[in-house]
């Protein structure tokens, strides 16, 4: 189990990418968990879901990159996870800025 971290992060990244793809294709606002839907209702739910799917796909790259780096060095993979996650969430806020 030398590469367990890489395998787990790769599976997690894949699951997030599948979820983002389903969100982008269906644009169904009900794919968001109920407790989050209750607190916010966007003016244009289809546009909101498409933009959100872009953000989730972008954030899914973080564990994917971490998995690739961790094949060489696990500690470096964890560092890449945290640094890229901060960067991608910041970029995601820029993507979601114009959506209401």
PDB file of N, CA and C in Angstrom:
ATOM      1  N   UNK A   1       0.830  -1.196   0.000  1.00  0.00           N
ATOM      2  CA  UNK A   1       0.000   0.000   0.000  1.00  0.00           C
ATOM      3  C   UNK A   1       0.873   1.258   0.000  1.00  0.00           C
ATOM      4  N   UNK A   2       1.878   1.213  -0.820  1.00  0.00           N
ATOM      5  CA  UNK A   2       2.805   2.331  -0.905  1.00  0.00           C
ATOM      6  C   UNK A   2       2.161   3.585  -1.496  1.00  0.00           C
ATOM      7  N   UNK A   3       1.214   3.396  -2.401  1.00  0.00           N
ATOM      8  CA  UNK A   3       0.591   4.523  -3.083  1.00  0.00           C
ATOM      9  C   UNK A   3      -0.889   4.678  -2.701  1.00  0.00           C
ATOM     10  N   UNK A   4      -1.232   4.367  -1.484  1.00  0.00           N
ATOM     11  CA  UNK A   4      -2.628   4.445  -1.048  1.00  0.00           C
ATOM     12  C   UNK A   4      -3.156   5.877  -1.123  1.00  0.00           C
ATOM     13  N   UNK A   5      -2.349   6.843  -0.720  1.00  0.00           N
ATOM     14  CA  UNK A   5      -2.780   8.237  -0.765  1.00  0.00           C
ATOM     15  C   UNK A   5      -3.098   8.649  -2.200  1.00  0.00           C
ATOM     16  N   UNK A   6      -2.264   8.268  -3.136  1.00  0.00           N
ATOM     17  CA  UNK A   6      -2.478   8.621  -4.537  1.00  0.00           C
ATOM     18  C   UNK A   6      -3.755   7.985  -5.078  1.00  0.00           C
ATOM     19  N   UNK A   7      -4.003   6.752  -4.704  1.00  0.00           N
ATOM     20  CA  UNK A   7      -5.200   6.064  -5.178  1.00  0.00           C
ATOM     21  C   UNK A   7      -6.455   6.721  -4.617  1.00  0.00           C
ATOM     22  N   UNK A   8      -6.455   7.006  -3.332  1.00  0.00           N
ATOM     23  CA  UNK A   8      -7.628   7.616  -2.692  1.00  0.00           C
ATOM     24  C   UNK A   8      -7.890   9.014  -3.268  1.00  0.00           C
ATOM     25  N   UNK A   9      -6.855   9.817  -3.420  1.00  0.00           N
ATOM     26  CA  UNK A   9      -7.023  11.158  -3.979  1.00  0.00           C
ATOM     27  C   UNK A   9      -7.467  11.100  -5.443  1.00  0.00           C
ATOM     28  N   UNK A  10      -6.979  10.139  -6.189  1.00  0.00           N
ATOM     29  CA  UNK A  10      -7.403   9.976  -7.580  1.00  0.00           C
ATOM     30  C   UNK A  10      -8.875   9.616  -7.683  1.00  0.00           C
ATOM     31  N   UNK A  11      -9.328   8.721  -6.801  1.00  0.00           N
ATOM     32  CA  UNK A  11     -10.754   8.355  -6.777  1.00  0.00           C
ATOM     33  C   UNK A  11     -11.599   9.553  -6.382  1.00  0.00           C
ATOM     34  N   UNK A  12     -11.159  10.300  -5.390  1.00  0.00           N
ATOM     35  CA  UNK A  12     -11.902  11.484  -4.947  1.00  0.00           C
ATOM     36  C   UNK A  12     -11.994  12.526  -6.064  1.00  0.00           C
ATOM     37  N   UNK A  13     -10.895  12.759  -6.766  1.00  0.00           N
ATOM     38  CA  UNK A  13     -10.895  13.716  -7.878  1.00  0.00           C
ATOM     39  C   UNK A  13     -11.829  13.246  -8.986  1.00  0.00           C
ATOM     40  N   UNK A  14     -11.806  11.967  -9.273  1.00  0.00           N
ATOM     41  CA  UNK A  14     -12.700  11.431 -10.295  1.00  0.00           C
ATOM     42  C   UNK A  14     -14.165  11.586  -9.925  1.00  0.00           C
ATOM     43  N   UNK A  15     -14.489  11.324  -8.668  1.00  0.00           N
ATOM     44  CA  UNK A  15     -15.877  11.465  -8.212  1.00  0.00           C
ATOM     45  C   UNK A  15     -16.335  12.921  -8.313  1.00  0.00           C
ATOM     46  N   UNK A  16     -15.472  13.848  -7.930  1.00  0.00           N
ATOM     47  CA  UNK A  16     -15.833  15.260  -8.048  1.00  0.00           C
ATOM     48  C   UNK A  16     -16.006  15.684  -9.501  1.00  0.00           C
ATOM     49  N   UNK A  17     -15.167  15.171 -10.380  1.00  0.00           N
ATOM     50  CA  UNK A  17     -15.298  15.508 -11.801  1.00  0.00           C
ATOM     51  C   UNK A  17     -16.582  14.939 -12.398  1.00  0.00           C
ATOM     52  N   UNK A  18     -16.967  13.746 -11.978  1.00  0.00           N
ATOM     53  CA  UNK A  18     -18.236  13.176 -12.444  1.00  0.00           C
ATOM     54  C   UNK A  18     -19.405  14.020 -11.948  1.00  0.00           C
ATOM     55  N   UNK A  19     -19.367  14.427 -10.682  1.00  0.00           N
ATOM     56  CA  UNK A  19     -20.427  15.275 -10.117  1.00  0.00           C
ATOM     57  C   UNK A  19     -20.505  16.613 -10.861  1.00  0.00           C
ATOM     58  N   UNK A  20     -19.363  17.212 -11.153  1.00  0.00           N
ATOM     59  CA  UNK A  20     -19.350  18.477 -11.890  1.00  0.00           C
ATOM     60  C   UNK A  20     -19.898  18.291 -13.299  1.00  0.00           C
ATOM     61  N   UNK A  21     -19.558  17.183 -13.930  1.00  0.00           N
ATOM     62  CA  UNK A  21     -20.078  16.912 -15.265  1.00  0.00           C
ATOM     63  C   UNK A  21     -21.584  16.732 -15.269  1.00  0.00           C
ATOM     64  N   UNK A  22     -22.102  16.018 -14.281  1.00  0.00           N
ATOM     65  CA  UNK A  22     -23.552  15.845 -14.185  1.00  0.00           C
ATOM     66  C   UNK A  22     -24.257  17.175 -13.921  1.00  0.00           C
ATOM     67  N   UNK A  23     -23.637  18.006 -13.101  1.00  0.00           N
ATOM     68  CA  UNK A  23     -24.220  19.321 -12.835  1.00  0.00           C
ATOM     69  C   UNK A  23     -24.239  20.171 -14.101  1.00  0.00           C
ATOM     70  N   UNK A  24     -23.168  20.130 -14.883  1.00  0.00           N
ATOM     71  CA  UNK A  24     -23.086  20.925 -16.096  1.00  0.00           C
ATOM     72  C   UNK A  24     -24.086  20.442 -17.143  1.00  0.00           C
ATOM     73  N   UNK A  25     -24.277  19.139 -17.229  1.00  0.00           N
ATOM     74  CA  UNK A  25     -25.208  18.605 -18.222  1.00  0.00           C
ATOM     75  C   UNK A  25     -26.662  18.827 -17.848  1.00  0.00           C
ATOM     76  N   UNK A  26     -27.005  18.573 -16.603  1.00  0.00           N
ATOM     77  CA  UNK A  26     -28.412  18.665 -16.203  1.00  0.00           C
ATOM     78  C   UNK A  26     -28.826  20.087 -15.827  1.00  0.00           C
ATOM     79  N   UNK A  27     -27.926  20.857 -15.261  1.00  0.00           N
ATOM     80  CA  UNK A  27     -28.213  22.215 -14.762  1.00  0.00           C
ATOM     81  C   UNK A  27     -29.423  22.227 -13.829  1.00  0.00           C
ATOM     82  N   UNK A  28     -29.570  21.157 -13.068  1.00  0.00           N
ATOM     83  CA  UNK A  28     -30.686  21.002 -12.146  1.00  0.00           C
ATOM     84  C   UNK A  28     -30.276  21.522 -10.775  1.00  0.00           C
ATOM     85  N   UNK A  29     -30.974  22.547 -10.310  1.00  0.00           N
ATOM     86  CA  UNK A  29     -30.644  23.186  -9.034  1.00  0.00           C
ATOM     87  C   UNK A  29     -30.849  22.234  -7.862  1.00  0.00           C
ATOM     88  N   UNK A  30     -31.616  21.166  -8.043  1.00  0.00           N
ATOM     89  CA  UNK A  30     -31.879  20.216  -6.964  1.00  0.00           C
ATOM     90  C   UNK A  30     -30.704  19.284  -6.700  1.00  0.00           C
ATOM     91  N   UNK A  31     -29.637  19.388  -7.473  1.00  0.00           N
ATOM     92  CA  UNK A  31     -28.446  18.571  -7.223  1.00  0.00           C
ATOM     93  C   UNK A  31     -27.635  19.118  -6.044  1.00  0.00           C
ATOM     94  N   UNK A  32     -27.930  20.350  -5.647  1.00  0.00           N
ATOM     95  CA  UNK A  32     -27.288  20.924  -4.473  1.00  0.00           C
ATOM     96  C   UNK A  32     -28.007  20.380  -3.239  1.00  0.00           C
ATOM     97  N   UNK A  33     -27.294  20.039  -2.169  1.00  0.00           N
ATOM     98  CA  UNK A  33     -27.951  19.533  -0.961  1.00  0.00           C
ATOM     99  C   UNK A  33     -29.046  20.482  -0.460  1.00  0.00           C
ATOM    100  N   UNK A  34     -30.113  19.899   0.084  1.00  0.00           N
ATOM    101  CA  UNK A  34     -31.306  20.658   0.469  1.00  0.00           C
ATOM    102  C   UNK A  34     -31.016  21.782   1.447  1.00  0.00           C
ATOM    103  N   UNK A  35     -30.195  21.544   2.441  1.00  0.00           N
ATOM    104  CA  UNK A  35     -29.953  22.576   3.451  1.00  0.00           C
ATOM    105  C   UNK A  35     -29.234  23.792   2.872  1.00  0.00           C
ATOM    106  N   UNK A  36     -28.528  23.634   1.760  1.00  0.00           N
ATOM    107  CA  UNK A  36     -27.894  24.775   1.095  1.00  0.00           C
ATOM    108  C   UNK A  36     -28.851  25.456   0.130  1.00  0.00           C
ATOM    109  N   UNK A  37     -29.767  24.686  -0.474  1.00  0.00           N
ATOM    110  CA  UNK A  37     -30.746  25.269  -1.385  1.00  0.00           C
ATOM    111  C   UNK A  37     -31.707  26.189  -0.658  1.00  0.00           C
ATOM    112  N   UNK A  38     -32.038  25.866   0.575  1.00  0.00           N
ATOM    113  CA  UNK A  38     -33.011  26.645   1.336  1.00  0.00           C
ATOM    114  C   UNK A  38     -32.482  28.045   1.626  1.00  0.00           C
ATOM    115  N   UNK A  39     -31.199  28.175   1.871  1.00  0.00           N
ATOM    116  CA  UNK A  39     -30.645  29.461   2.289  1.00  0.00           C
ATOM    117  C   UNK A  39     -30.388  30.420   1.132  1.00  0.00           C
ATOM    118  N   UNK A  40     -30.354  29.930  -0.103  1.00  0.00           N
ATOM    119  CA  UNK A  40     -30.038  30.797  -1.237  1.00  0.00           C
ATOM    120  C   UNK A  40     -30.781  30.318  -2.472  1.00  0.00           C
ATOM    121  N   UNK A  41     -31.481  31.237  -3.136  1.00  0.00           N
ATOM    122  CA  UNK A  41     -32.156  30.935  -4.390  1.00  0.00           C
ATOM    123  C   UNK A  41     -31.641  31.896  -5.454  1.00  0.00           C
ATOM    124  N   UNK A  42     -30.927  31.389  -6.465  1.00  0.00           N
ATOM    125  CA  UNK A  42     -30.382  32.279  -7.495  1.00  0.00           C
ATOM    126  C   UNK A  42     -31.470  32.772  -8.449  1.00  0.00           C
ATOM    127  N   UNK A  43     -31.203  33.897  -9.088  1.00  0.00           N
ATOM    128  CA  UNK A  43     -32.154  34.447 -10.058  1.00  0.00           C
ATOM    129  C   UNK A  43     -32.221  33.574 -11.300  1.00  0.00           C
ATOM    130  N   UNK A  44     -31.074  33.074 -11.745  1.00  0.00           N
ATOM    131  CA  UNK A  44     -31.009  32.203 -12.919  1.00  0.00           C
ATOM    132  C   UNK A  44     -30.352  30.883 -12.502  1.00  0.00           C
ATOM    133  N   UNK A  45     -31.157  29.887 -12.075  1.00  0.00           N
ATOM    134  CA  UNK A  45     -30.576  28.649 -11.545  1.00  0.00           C
ATOM    135  C   UNK A  45     -29.736  27.874 -12.559  1.00  0.00           C
ATOM    136  N   UNK A  46     -30.096  27.915 -13.836  1.00  0.00           N
ATOM    137  CA  UNK A  46     -29.328  27.164 -14.833  1.00  0.00           C
ATOM    138  C   UNK A  46     -27.936  27.754 -15.017  1.00  0.00           C
ATOM    139  N   UNK A  47     -27.846  29.054 -15.085  1.00  0.00           N
ATOM    140  CA  UNK A  47     -26.536  29.701 -15.218  1.00  0.00           C
ATOM    141  C   UNK A  47     -25.704  29.480 -13.953  1.00  0.00           C
ATOM    142  N   UNK A  48     -26.361  29.574 -12.808  1.00  0.00           N
ATOM    143  CA  UNK A  48     -25.678  29.357 -11.536  1.00  0.00           C
ATOM    144  C   UNK A  48     -25.099  27.939 -11.470  1.00  0.00           C
ATOM    145  N   UNK A  49     -25.876  26.951 -11.867  1.00  0.00           N
ATOM    146  CA  UNK A  49     -25.409  25.570 -11.811  1.00  0.00           C
ATOM    147  C   UNK A  49     -24.256  25.332 -12.779  1.00  0.00           C
ATOM    148  N   UNK A  50     -24.310  25.954 -13.954  1.00  0.00           N
ATOM    149  CA  UNK A  50     -23.225  25.773 -14.902  1.00  0.00           C
ATOM    150  C   UNK A  50     -21.929  26.386 -14.373  1.00  0.00           C
ATOM    151  N   UNK A  51     -22.021  27.574 -13.792  1.00  0.00           N
ATOM    152  CA  UNK A  51     -20.837  28.214 -13.218  1.00  0.00           C
ATOM    153  C   UNK A  51     -20.309  27.416 -12.021  1.00  0.00           C
ATOM    154  N   UNK A  52     -21.212  26.930 -11.193  1.00  0.00           N
ATOM    155  CA  UNK A  52     -20.812  26.129 -10.035  1.00  0.00           C
ATOM    156  C   UNK A  52     -20.138  24.828 -10.470  1.00  0.00           C
ATOM    157  N   UNK A  53     -20.621  24.250 -11.561  1.00  0.00           N
ATOM    158  CA  UNK A  53     -19.983  23.023 -12.052  1.00  0.00           C
ATOM    159  C   UNK A  53     -18.560  23.300 -12.528  1.00  0.00           C
ATOM    160  N   UNK A  54     -18.322  24.479 -13.081  1.00  0.00           N
ATOM    161  CA  UNK A  54     -16.956  24.850 -13.463  1.00  0.00           C
ATOM    162  C   UNK A  54     -16.058  24.950 -12.237  1.00  0.00           C
ATOM    163  N   UNK A  55     -16.587  25.536 -11.184  1.00  0.00           N
ATOM    164  CA  UNK A  55     -15.807  25.693  -9.950  1.00  0.00           C
ATOM    165  C   UNK A  55     -15.504  24.329  -9.328  1.00  0.00           C
ATOM    166  N   UNK A  56     -16.478  23.447  -9.300  1.00  0.00           N
ATOM    167  CA  UNK A  56     -16.256  22.122  -8.720  1.00  0.00           C
ATOM    168  C   UNK A  56     -15.245  21.338  -9.550  1.00  0.00           C
ATOM    169  N   UNK A  57     -15.315  21.448 -10.867  1.00  0.00           N
ATOM    170  CA  UNK A  57     -14.331  20.777 -11.716  1.00  0.00           C
ATOM    171  C   UNK A  57     -12.932  21.350 -11.483  1.00  0.00           C
ATOM    172  N   UNK A  58     -12.856  22.657 -11.305  1.00  0.00           N
ATOM    173  CA  UNK A  58     -11.564  23.293 -11.040  1.00  0.00           C
ATOM    174  C   UNK A  58     -10.995  22.824  -9.699  1.00  0.00           C
ATOM    175  N   UNK A  59     -11.836  22.777  -8.679  1.00  0.00           N
ATOM    176  CA  UNK A  59     -11.391  22.338  -7.359  1.00  0.00           C
ATOM    177  C   UNK A  59     -11.047  20.843  -7.376  1.00  0.00           C
ATOM    178  N   UNK A  60     -11.686  20.065  -8.255  1.00  0.00           N
ATOM    179  CA  UNK A  60     -11.376  18.640  -8.365  1.00  0.00           C
ATOM    180  C   UNK A  60      -9.974  18.400  -8.915  1.00  0.00           C
ATOM    181  N   UNK A  61      -9.407  19.388  -9.556  1.00  0.00           N
ATOM    182  CA  UNK A  61      -8.038  19.246 -10.046  1.00  0.00           C
ATOM    183  C   UNK A  61      -7.028  19.181  -8.896  1.00  0.00           C
ATOM    184  N   UNK A  62      -7.382  19.766  -7.771  1.00  0.00           N
ATOM    185  CA  UNK A  62      -6.468  19.798  -6.632  1.00  0.00           C
ATOM    186  C   UNK A  62      -6.112  18.397  -6.119  1.00  0.00           C
ATOM    187  N   UNK A  63      -7.095  17.539  -5.787  1.00  0.00           N
ATOM    188  CA  UNK A  63      -6.698  16.188  -5.359  1.00  0.00           C
ATOM    189  C   UNK A  63      -6.091  15.375  -6.503  1.00  0.00           C
ATOM    190  N   UNK A  64      -6.463  15.701  -7.747  1.00  0.00           N
ATOM    191  CA  UNK A  64      -5.858  15.016  -8.877  1.00  0.00           C
ATOM    192  C   UNK A  64      -4.379  15.325  -9.008  1.00  0.00           C
ATOM    193  N   UNK A  65      -4.049  16.601  -8.902  1.00  0.00           N
ATOM    194  CA  UNK A  65      -2.642  17.001  -8.937  1.00  0.00           C
ATOM    195  C   UNK A  65      -1.881  16.413  -7.749  1.00  0.00           C
ATOM    196  N   UNK A  66      -2.527  16.427  -6.605  1.00  0.00           N
ATOM    197  CA  UNK A  66      -1.911  15.885  -5.398  1.00  0.00           C
ATOM    198  C   UNK A  66      -1.613  14.396  -5.571  1.00  0.00           C
ATOM    199  N   UNK A  67      -2.525  13.668  -6.191  1.00  0.00           N
ATOM    200  CA  UNK A  67      -2.324  12.239  -6.416  1.00  0.00           C
ATOM    201  C   UNK A  67      -1.129  11.988  -7.333  1.00  0.00           C
ATOM    202  N   UNK A  68      -1.012  12.808  -8.372  1.00  0.00           N
ATOM    203  CA  UNK A  68       0.119  12.633  -9.294  1.00  0.00           C
ATOM    204  C   UNK A  68       1.456  12.940  -8.618  1.00  0.00           C
ATOM    205  N   UNK A  69       1.498  14.023  -7.843  1.00  0.00           N
ATOM    206  CA  UNK A  69       2.744  14.387  -7.161  1.00  0.00           C
ATOM    207  C   UNK A  69       3.078  13.364  -6.079  1.00  0.00           C
ATOM    208  N   UNK A  70       2.049  12.839  -5.414  1.00  0.00           N
ATOM    209  CA  UNK A  70       2.284  11.889  -4.324  1.00  0.00           C
ATOM    210  C   UNK A  70       2.833  10.555  -4.819  1.00  0.00           C
ATOM    211  N   UNK A  71       2.734  10.295  -6.102  1.00  0.00           N
ATOM    212  CA  UNK A  71       3.363   9.088  -6.631  1.00  0.00           C
ATOM    213  C   UNK A  71       4.877   9.147  -6.449  1.00  0.00           C
ATOM    214  N   UNK A  72       5.416  10.368  -6.471  1.00  0.00           N
ATOM    215  CA  UNK A  72       6.849  10.550  -6.274  1.00  0.00           C
ATOM    216  C   UNK A  72       7.201  10.764  -4.800  1.00  0.00           C
ATOM    217  N   UNK A  73       6.392  11.614  -4.120  1.00  0.00           N
ATOM    218  CA  UNK A  73       6.673  11.947  -2.721  1.00  0.00           C
ATOM    219  C   UNK A  73       5.354  12.317  -2.047  1.00  0.00           C
ATOM    220  N   UNK A  74       4.975  11.577  -1.024  1.00  0.00           N
ATOM    221  CA  UNK A  74       3.681  11.779  -0.366  1.00  0.00           C
ATOM    222  C   UNK A  74       3.587  13.136   0.323  1.00  0.00           C
ATOM    223  N   UNK A  75       4.631  13.556   0.981  1.00  0.00           N
ATOM    224  CA  UNK A  75       4.601  14.850   1.677  1.00  0.00           C
ATOM    225  C   UNK A  75       4.446  15.994   0.668  1.00  0.00           C
ATOM    226  N   UNK A  76       5.146  15.909  -0.439  1.00  0.00           N
ATOM    227  CA  UNK A  76       4.998  16.924  -1.476  1.00  0.00           C
ATOM    228  C   UNK A  76       3.576  16.906  -2.040  1.00  0.00           C
ATOM    229  N   UNK A  77       2.958  15.724  -2.129  1.00  0.00           N
ATOM    230  CA  UNK A  77       1.582  15.616  -2.593  1.00  0.00           C
ATOM    231  C   UNK A  77       0.606  16.316  -1.679  1.00  0.00           C
ATOM    232  N   UNK A  78       0.824  16.197  -0.374  1.00  0.00           N
ATOM    233  CA  UNK A  78      -0.041  16.873   0.602  1.00  0.00           C
ATOM    234  C   UNK A  78       0.138  18.386   0.508  1.00  0.00           C
ATOM    235  N   UNK A  79       1.367  18.833   0.331  1.00  0.00           N
ATOM    236  CA  UNK A  79       1.625  20.269   0.174  1.00  0.00           C
ATOM    237  C   UNK A  79       0.936  20.790  -1.084  1.00  0.00           C
ATOM    238  N   UNK A  80       1.031  20.053  -2.177  1.00  0.00           N
ATOM    239  CA  UNK A  80       0.365  20.449  -3.423  1.00  0.00           C
ATOM    240  C   UNK A  80      -1.147  20.501  -3.214  1.00  0.00           C
ATOM    241  N   UNK A  81      -1.694  19.562  -2.452  1.00  0.00           N
ATOM    242  CA  UNK A  81      -3.136  19.563  -2.184  1.00  0.00           C
ATOM    243  C   UNK A  81      -3.570  20.865  -1.525  1.00  0.00           C
ATOM    244  N   UNK A  82      -2.887  21.266  -0.457  1.00  0.00           N
ATOM    245  CA  UNK A  82      -3.296  22.464   0.272  1.00  0.00           C
ATOM    246  C   UNK A  82      -3.063  23.742  -0.539  1.00  0.00           C
ATOM    247  N   UNK A  83      -1.928  23.846  -1.178  1.00  0.00           N
ATOM    248  CA  UNK A  83      -1.625  25.059  -1.941  1.00  0.00           C
ATOM    249  C   UNK A  83      -2.557  25.196  -3.137  1.00  0.00           C
ATOM    250  N   UNK A  84      -2.752  24.103  -3.871  1.00  0.00           N
ATOM    251  CA  UNK A  84      -3.625  24.185  -5.052  1.00  0.00           C
ATOM    252  C   UNK A  84      -5.087  24.366  -4.651  1.00  0.00           C
ATOM    253  N   UNK A  85      -5.498  23.803  -3.529  1.00  0.00           N
ATOM    254  CA  UNK A  85      -6.881  23.975  -3.078  1.00  0.00           C
ATOM    255  C   UNK A  85      -7.157  25.448  -2.761  1.00  0.00           C
ATOM    256  N   UNK A  86      -6.235  26.093  -2.087  1.00  0.00           N
ATOM    257  CA  UNK A  86      -6.403  27.524  -1.793  1.00  0.00           C
ATOM    258  C   UNK A  86      -6.468  28.325  -3.084  1.00  0.00           C
ATOM    259  N   UNK A  87      -5.567  28.033  -4.014  1.00  0.00           N
ATOM    260  CA  UNK A  87      -5.548  28.746  -5.290  1.00  0.00           C
ATOM    261  C   UNK A  87      -6.827  28.515  -6.083  1.00  0.00           C
ATOM    262  N   UNK A  88      -7.284  27.268  -6.168  1.00  0.00           N
ATOM    263  CA  UNK A  88      -8.464  26.971  -6.974  1.00  0.00           C
ATOM    264  C   UNK A  88      -9.752  27.501  -6.341  1.00  0.00           C
ATOM    265  N   UNK A  89      -9.836  27.516  -5.029  1.00  0.00           N
ATOM    266  CA  UNK A  89     -11.016  28.108  -4.392  1.00  0.00           C
ATOM    267  C   UNK A  89     -11.024  29.613  -4.628  1.00  0.00           C
ATOM    268  N   UNK A  90      -9.866  30.245  -4.570  1.00  0.00           N
ATOM    269  CA  UNK A  90      -9.786  31.682  -4.858  1.00  0.00           C
ATOM    270  C   UNK A  90     -10.205  31.959  -6.308  1.00  0.00           C
ATOM    271  N   UNK A  91      -9.740  31.148  -7.247  1.00  0.00           N
ATOM    272  CA  UNK A  91     -10.158  31.311  -8.645  1.00  0.00           C
ATOM    273  C   UNK A  91     -11.655  31.046  -8.805  1.00  0.00           C
ATOM    274  N   UNK A  92     -12.179  30.091  -8.023  1.00  0.00           N
ATOM    275  CA  UNK A  92     -13.608  29.800  -8.061  1.00  0.00           C
ATOM    276  C   UNK A  92     -14.455  30.967  -7.606  1.00  0.00           C
ATOM    277  N   UNK A  93     -13.963  31.736  -6.632  1.00  0.00           N
ATOM    278  CA  UNK A  93     -14.713  32.914  -6.212  1.00  0.00           C
ATOM    279  C   UNK A  93     -14.749  33.956  -7.339  1.00  0.00           C
ATOM    280  N   UNK A  94     -13.689  34.014  -8.134  1.00  0.00           N
ATOM    281  CA  UNK A  94     -13.673  34.921  -9.277  1.00  0.00           C
ATOM    282  C   UNK A  94     -14.670  34.469 -10.342  1.00  0.00           C
ATOM    283  N   UNK A  95     -14.801  33.167 -10.553  1.00  0.00           N
ATOM    284  CA  UNK A  95     -15.745  32.638 -11.532  1.00  0.00           C
ATOM    285  C   UNK A  95     -17.182  32.901 -11.095  1.00  0.00           C
ATOM    286  N   UNK A  96     -17.466  32.744  -9.794  1.00  0.00           N
ATOM    287  CA  UNK A  96     -18.834  32.892  -9.291  1.00  0.00           C
ATOM    288  C   UNK A  96     -19.206  34.352  -9.010  1.00  0.00           C
ATOM    289  N   UNK A  97     -18.317  35.276  -9.183  1.00  0.00           N
ATOM    290  CA  UNK A  97     -18.579  36.659  -8.812  1.00  0.00           C
ATOM    291  C   UNK A  97     -19.777  37.258  -9.553  1.00  0.00           C
ATOM    292  N   UNK A  98     -19.935  37.025 -10.845  1.00  0.00           N
ATOM    293  CA  UNK A  98     -20.994  37.652 -11.617  1.00  0.00           C
ATOM    294  C   UNK A  98     -22.336  36.916 -11.559  1.00  0.00           C
ATOM    295  N   UNK A  99     -22.397  35.788 -10.899  1.00  0.00           N
ATOM    296  CA  UNK A  99     -23.614  34.994 -10.859  1.00  0.00           C
ATOM    297  C   UNK A  99     -24.404  35.343  -9.614  1.00  0.00           C
ATOM    298  N   UNK A 100     -25.686  35.571  -9.797  1.00  0.00           N
ATOM    299  CA  UNK A 100     -26.559  35.874  -8.641  1.00  0.00           C
ATOM    300  C   UNK A 100     -27.633  34.836  -8.507  1.00  0.00           C
TER     301      UNK A 100
END
